[in-house]
């Protein structure tokens, strides 16, 4: 019997070892009736998630950066012609021009870079990622606070936390649990036009700058006090609210009022 290949610590590898969890993540990535025509898997590892994803996609490109794992993956899926095992770094891949989905058990240390890659890809429809639980909670407002990245991208992307996965369902077990993070590109953006996107990013970045000591004070650096006061009333915000406590829908109301 072949000995298991030890993980490479530099690649932050924690392989999904629970079949039920793999099947659950695959169902979330490709729900019944909505199997993606093209699905990219980040970090195929030993193929635990690749297998259920293959059953729920028409074409699957499984990326694996560890060259020691690629031969085993290619052998495992040799009789599955719509699965293409790609040896190399997912982050070096050029995003497809046609609509595509992303799924994967991502290395915790590379989560931010993988998320940035997904957000920058025009053809991305959705991404379902196993990430560090804290990261998933932070990005989806689960702590009652919202991050700059989430608010900036909210008009074009929806962020959701779809569940928690215990750390002992991975091999070797990481120090913390994982979360199932879902990022979906909106079919109809909440803001349209380059002008609206620019004023949105300007507003949000100014608000998160911390200049002035409060969100209200920061926004007054670019807008008259009376307009900021009126915008806060319209958004039902207290003047002393912390910037991270402002949900994206309230930001949209602030933007509407301050750019009218």
Protein backbone atom coordinates (compact mmCIF):
# COMPACT_ATOMS: atom_id res chain seq x y z
CA UNK A 1 0.00 0.00 0.00
CA UNK A 2 1.40 3.40 -0.98
CA UNK A 3 2.37 5.67 1.86
CA UNK A 4 0.43 8.97 2.02
CA UNK A 5 2.31 11.98 0.76
CA UNK A 6 3.12 14.31 3.66
CA UNK A 7 1.80 17.81 3.36
CA UNK A 8 4.10 20.65 2.40
CA UNK A 9 4.06 23.14 5.26
CA UNK A 10 4.97 26.00 2.94
CA UNK A 11 1.76 25.35 0.97
CA UNK A 12 -0.50 25.45 4.06
CA UNK A 13 -2.09 22.11 3.13
CA UNK A 14 -4.94 20.68 5.19
CA UNK A 15 -6.76 18.05 3.15
CA UNK A 16 -10.52 17.59 3.49
CA UNK A 17 -10.95 14.10 4.94
CA UNK A 18 -14.72 13.87 5.43
CA UNK A 19 -16.78 12.63 2.46
CA UNK A 20 -20.07 14.01 3.76
CA UNK A 21 -18.55 17.47 4.10
CA UNK A 22 -17.05 17.26 0.60
CA UNK A 23 -20.44 16.29 -0.84
CA UNK A 24 -22.12 19.15 1.06
CA UNK A 25 -19.65 21.74 -0.21
CA UNK A 26 -20.06 20.42 -3.77
CA UNK A 27 -23.85 20.78 -3.50
CA UNK A 28 -23.43 24.38 -2.37
CA UNK A 29 -20.99 25.10 -5.18
CA UNK A 30 -23.20 23.48 -7.83
CA UNK A 31 -26.82 23.21 -6.64
CA UNK A 32 -29.23 20.80 -8.30
CA UNK A 33 -30.44 22.23 -11.57
CA UNK A 34 -27.63 24.78 -11.75
CA UNK A 35 -24.52 22.77 -12.54
CA UNK A 36 -21.90 25.17 -13.96
CA UNK A 37 -20.65 24.66 -17.50
CA UNK A 38 -17.14 25.51 -16.31
CA UNK A 39 -15.91 25.06 -12.76
CA UNK A 40 -12.41 25.80 -11.51
CA UNK A 41 -11.21 24.06 -8.35
CA UNK A 42 -8.56 25.76 -6.22
CA UNK A 43 -6.14 23.28 -4.67
CA UNK A 44 -7.44 19.85 -5.61
CA UNK A 45 -5.11 18.16 -3.09
CA UNK A 46 -5.82 14.43 -3.04
CA UNK A 47 -9.14 14.83 -4.89
CA UNK A 48 -11.56 14.58 -1.95
CA UNK A 49 -13.58 17.56 -3.16
CA UNK A 50 -12.72 17.08 -6.83
CA UNK A 51 -14.73 13.87 -7.00
CA UNK A 52 -18.13 15.29 -5.92
CA UNK A 53 -17.46 18.45 -7.92
CA UNK A 54 -16.87 16.34 -11.03
CA UNK A 55 -20.34 14.82 -10.66
CA UNK A 56 -21.89 18.28 -10.55
CA UNK A 57 -20.12 20.09 -13.41
CA UNK A 58 -19.88 19.80 -17.17
CA UNK A 59 -16.21 20.79 -17.29
CA UNK A 60 -13.89 20.88 -14.29
CA UNK A 61 -10.38 22.31 -14.18
CA UNK A 62 -8.73 21.09 -10.98
CA UNK A 63 -5.64 23.14 -10.11
CA UNK A 64 -2.94 21.66 -7.87
CA UNK A 65 0.30 23.47 -7.06
CA UNK A 66 2.04 20.52 -5.35
CA UNK A 67 3.74 18.45 -8.11
CA UNK A 68 3.80 15.40 -5.84
CA UNK A 69 -0.01 15.22 -5.90
CA UNK A 70 -0.60 15.75 -9.62
CA UNK A 71 0.20 12.19 -10.85
CA UNK A 72 -2.23 10.68 -8.35
CA UNK A 73 -4.96 13.09 -9.37
CA UNK A 74 -4.44 12.37 -13.06
CA UNK A 75 -4.59 8.64 -12.42
CA UNK A 76 -7.72 8.97 -10.32
CA UNK A 77 -9.59 10.97 -12.96
CA UNK A 78 -8.09 9.39 -16.07
CA UNK A 79 -11.49 7.95 -17.00
CA UNK A 80 -13.36 11.17 -16.33
CA UNK A 81 -12.76 13.13 -19.56
CA UNK A 82 -14.42 16.35 -18.44
CA UNK A 83 -11.98 16.67 -15.51
CA UNK A 84 -8.72 18.37 -16.40
CA UNK A 85 -6.02 18.28 -13.74
CA UNK A 86 -3.87 21.40 -14.10
CA UNK A 87 -0.41 21.34 -12.54
CA UNK A 88 0.44 24.78 -11.24
CA UNK A 89 -0.58 27.75 -9.16
CA UNK A 90 -4.23 28.73 -9.49
CA UNK A 91 -3.26 32.36 -8.93
CA UNK A 92 -1.15 32.30 -12.09
CA UNK A 93 -4.12 31.20 -14.21
CA UNK A 94 -5.75 33.62 -16.61
CA UNK A 95 -9.49 33.92 -15.84
CA UNK A 96 -11.69 32.33 -18.53
CA UNK A 97 -13.54 34.69 -20.84
CA UNK A 98 -16.74 32.69 -20.54
CA UNK A 99 -18.82 32.55 -17.32
CA UNK A 100 -17.35 30.21 -14.71
CA UNK A 101 -17.57 29.21 -11.07
CA UNK A 102 -14.83 28.60 -8.50
CA UNK A 103 -14.78 26.14 -5.62
CA UNK A 104 -12.13 24.77 -3.34
CA UNK A 105 -10.60 24.02 0.00
CA UNK A 106 -8.17 26.92 -0.12
CA UNK A 107 -4.89 27.15 1.79
CA UNK A 108 -5.61 29.47 4.71
CA UNK A 109 -2.40 31.43 4.12
CA UNK A 110 -3.42 32.27 0.54
CA UNK A 111 -7.09 33.02 1.09
CA UNK A 112 -6.87 36.78 0.59
CA UNK A 113 -4.99 36.43 -2.71
CA UNK A 114 -7.47 33.83 -4.01
CA UNK A 115 -10.43 36.00 -3.07
CA UNK A 116 -8.84 39.00 -4.80
CA UNK A 117 -8.32 36.88 -7.94
CA UNK A 118 -11.99 35.90 -7.92
CA UNK A 119 -13.23 39.46 -7.39
CA UNK A 120 -11.09 40.73 -10.27
CA UNK A 121 -12.34 38.11 -12.76
CA UNK A 122 -15.14 39.59 -14.92
CA UNK A 123 -16.49 36.18 -15.90
CA UNK A 124 -16.84 34.84 -12.36
CA UNK A 125 -20.41 34.00 -11.43
CA UNK A 126 -19.74 32.64 -7.95
CA UNK A 127 -17.08 31.20 -5.66
CA UNK A 128 -17.66 28.67 -2.87
CA UNK A 129 -14.57 28.46 -0.69
CA UNK A 130 -13.55 26.65 2.47
CA UNK A 131 -11.60 29.29 4.36
CA UNK A 132 -10.53 29.95 7.90
CA UNK A 133 -13.74 30.49 9.87
CA UNK A 134 -12.61 33.86 11.22
CA UNK A 135 -11.97 35.12 7.69
CA UNK A 136 -15.40 34.00 6.48
CA UNK A 137 -17.13 35.57 9.48
CA UNK A 138 -15.21 38.83 9.10
CA UNK A 139 -16.06 39.17 5.42
CA UNK A 140 -19.77 38.40 5.80
CA UNK A 141 -20.63 40.63 8.76
CA UNK A 142 -21.15 37.64 11.05
CA UNK A 143 -19.41 39.47 13.91
CA UNK A 144 -21.82 42.36 13.54
CA UNK A 145 -19.05 44.27 11.80
CA UNK A 146 -18.25 44.75 8.12
CA UNK A 147 -14.85 44.99 6.46
CA UNK A 148 -13.68 47.53 3.92
CA UNK A 149 -13.32 44.90 1.19
CA UNK A 150 -16.86 43.61 1.65
CA UNK A 151 -18.43 47.06 1.59
CA UNK A 152 -16.36 48.18 -1.40
CA UNK A 153 -17.43 45.18 -3.47
CA UNK A 154 -21.02 44.92 -2.19
CA UNK A 155 -22.69 46.67 -5.16
CA UNK A 156 -21.32 43.98 -7.47
CA UNK A 157 -20.91 40.94 -5.20
CA UNK A 158 -22.92 39.30 -2.45
CA UNK A 159 -21.01 37.74 0.47
CA UNK A 160 -22.54 34.92 2.53
CA UNK A 161 -21.42 32.51 5.24
CA UNK A 162 -22.99 29.13 4.43
CA UNK A 163 -21.75 27.06 7.33
CA UNK A 164 -19.00 25.95 9.65
CA UNK A 165 -16.72 22.93 9.21
CA UNK A 166 -14.93 21.53 12.25
CA UNK A 167 -11.16 21.37 12.11
CA UNK A 168 -11.09 17.63 12.73
CA UNK A 169 -12.67 17.03 9.32
CA UNK A 170 -9.31 17.91 7.78
CA UNK A 171 -6.05 15.97 7.65
CA UNK A 172 -3.91 17.07 9.36
CA UNK A 173 -6.29 19.09 11.52
CA UNK A 174 -5.62 22.84 11.40
CA UNK A 175 -5.69 24.86 14.60
CA UNK A 176 -9.06 26.45 13.84
CA UNK A 177 -12.38 25.53 12.23
CA UNK A 178 -13.23 26.43 8.65
CA UNK A 179 -16.13 28.37 7.20
CA UNK A 180 -17.92 27.96 3.88
CA UNK A 181 -17.71 31.34 2.19
CA UNK A 182 -19.88 32.14 -0.82
CA UNK A 183 -19.18 35.11 -3.08
CA UNK A 184 -21.69 35.61 -5.89
CA UNK A 185 -21.52 38.24 -8.60
CA UNK A 186 -24.84 40.04 -8.82
CA UNK A 187 -26.71 39.62 -12.07
CA UNK A 188 -27.84 43.22 -11.74
CA UNK A 189 -25.31 45.46 -9.94
CA UNK A 190 -26.72 47.67 -7.22
CA UNK A 191 -24.85 50.61 -8.77
CA UNK A 192 -24.20 51.08 -12.47
CA UNK A 193 -21.93 53.30 -14.50
CA UNK A 194 -18.29 54.26 -13.94
CA UNK A 195 -19.32 57.48 -12.21
CA UNK A 196 -21.36 55.66 -9.57
CA UNK A 197 -18.63 53.11 -8.95
CA UNK A 198 -16.07 55.87 -8.51
CA UNK A 199 -18.18 57.90 -6.08
CA UNK A 200 -18.97 54.70 -4.17
CA UNK A 201 -15.32 53.74 -3.72
CA UNK A 202 -14.40 57.32 -2.81
CA UNK A 203 -17.12 57.44 -0.16
CA UNK A 204 -16.36 54.06 1.38
CA UNK A 205 -12.59 54.55 1.43
CA UNK A 206 -13.02 57.97 3.03
CA UNK A 207 -15.36 56.49 5.63
CA UNK A 208 -12.91 53.71 6.51
CA UNK A 209 -9.94 56.09 6.59
CA UNK A 210 -10.44 56.91 10.26
CA UNK A 211 -9.72 60.59 9.56
CA UNK A 212 -11.52 62.69 12.13
CA UNK A 213 -12.06 59.85 14.57
CA UNK A 214 -15.54 58.79 13.44
CA UNK A 215 -17.44 57.94 10.27
CA UNK A 216 -19.50 61.12 10.60
CA UNK A 217 -16.36 63.24 10.97
CA UNK A 218 -14.60 61.49 8.08
CA UNK A 219 -17.48 62.10 5.68
CA UNK A 220 -17.65 65.77 6.69
CA UNK A 221 -14.21 66.23 5.14
CA UNK A 222 -15.81 65.87 1.70
CA UNK A 223 -19.44 66.88 2.32
CA UNK A 224 -21.18 69.74 4.16
CA UNK A 225 -22.18 68.94 7.72
CA UNK A 226 -25.88 69.45 7.01
CA UNK A 227 -25.78 66.92 4.16
CA UNK A 228 -23.95 64.37 6.28
CA UNK A 229 -26.49 64.89 9.08
CA UNK A 230 -29.37 64.38 6.61
CA UNK A 231 -27.73 61.28 5.14
CA UNK A 232 -27.27 59.76 8.60
CA UNK A 233 -30.93 60.38 9.40
CA UNK A 234 -32.00 58.80 6.10
CA UNK A 235 -29.79 55.77 6.76
CA UNK A 236 -31.02 55.56 10.37
CA UNK A 237 -27.50 55.85 11.75
CA UNK A 238 -26.35 57.36 15.01
CA UNK A 239 -23.65 59.99 14.63
CA UNK A 240 -21.40 58.01 16.94
CA UNK A 241 -21.64 54.74 15.02
CA UNK A 242 -18.36 52.93 14.36
CA UNK A 243 -17.56 52.54 10.68
CA UNK A 244 -17.34 48.75 10.88
CA UNK A 245 -20.85 48.58 12.32
CA UNK A 246 -22.45 50.11 9.23
CA UNK A 247 -24.05 47.40 7.10
CA UNK A 248 -23.74 47.62 3.30
CA UNK A 249 -27.40 48.55 2.81
CA UNK A 250 -26.87 51.58 5.06
CA UNK A 251 -23.82 52.52 3.02
CA UNK A 252 -25.99 52.43 -0.09
CA UNK A 253 -28.39 54.90 1.52
CA UNK A 254 -25.52 57.16 2.54
CA UNK A 255 -24.22 57.08 -1.02
CA UNK A 256 -27.67 57.85 -2.42
CA UNK A 257 -28.07 60.86 -0.17
CA UNK A 258 -24.56 62.27 -0.51
CA UNK A 259 -24.30 61.93 -4.30
CA UNK A 260 -27.83 63.02 -5.21
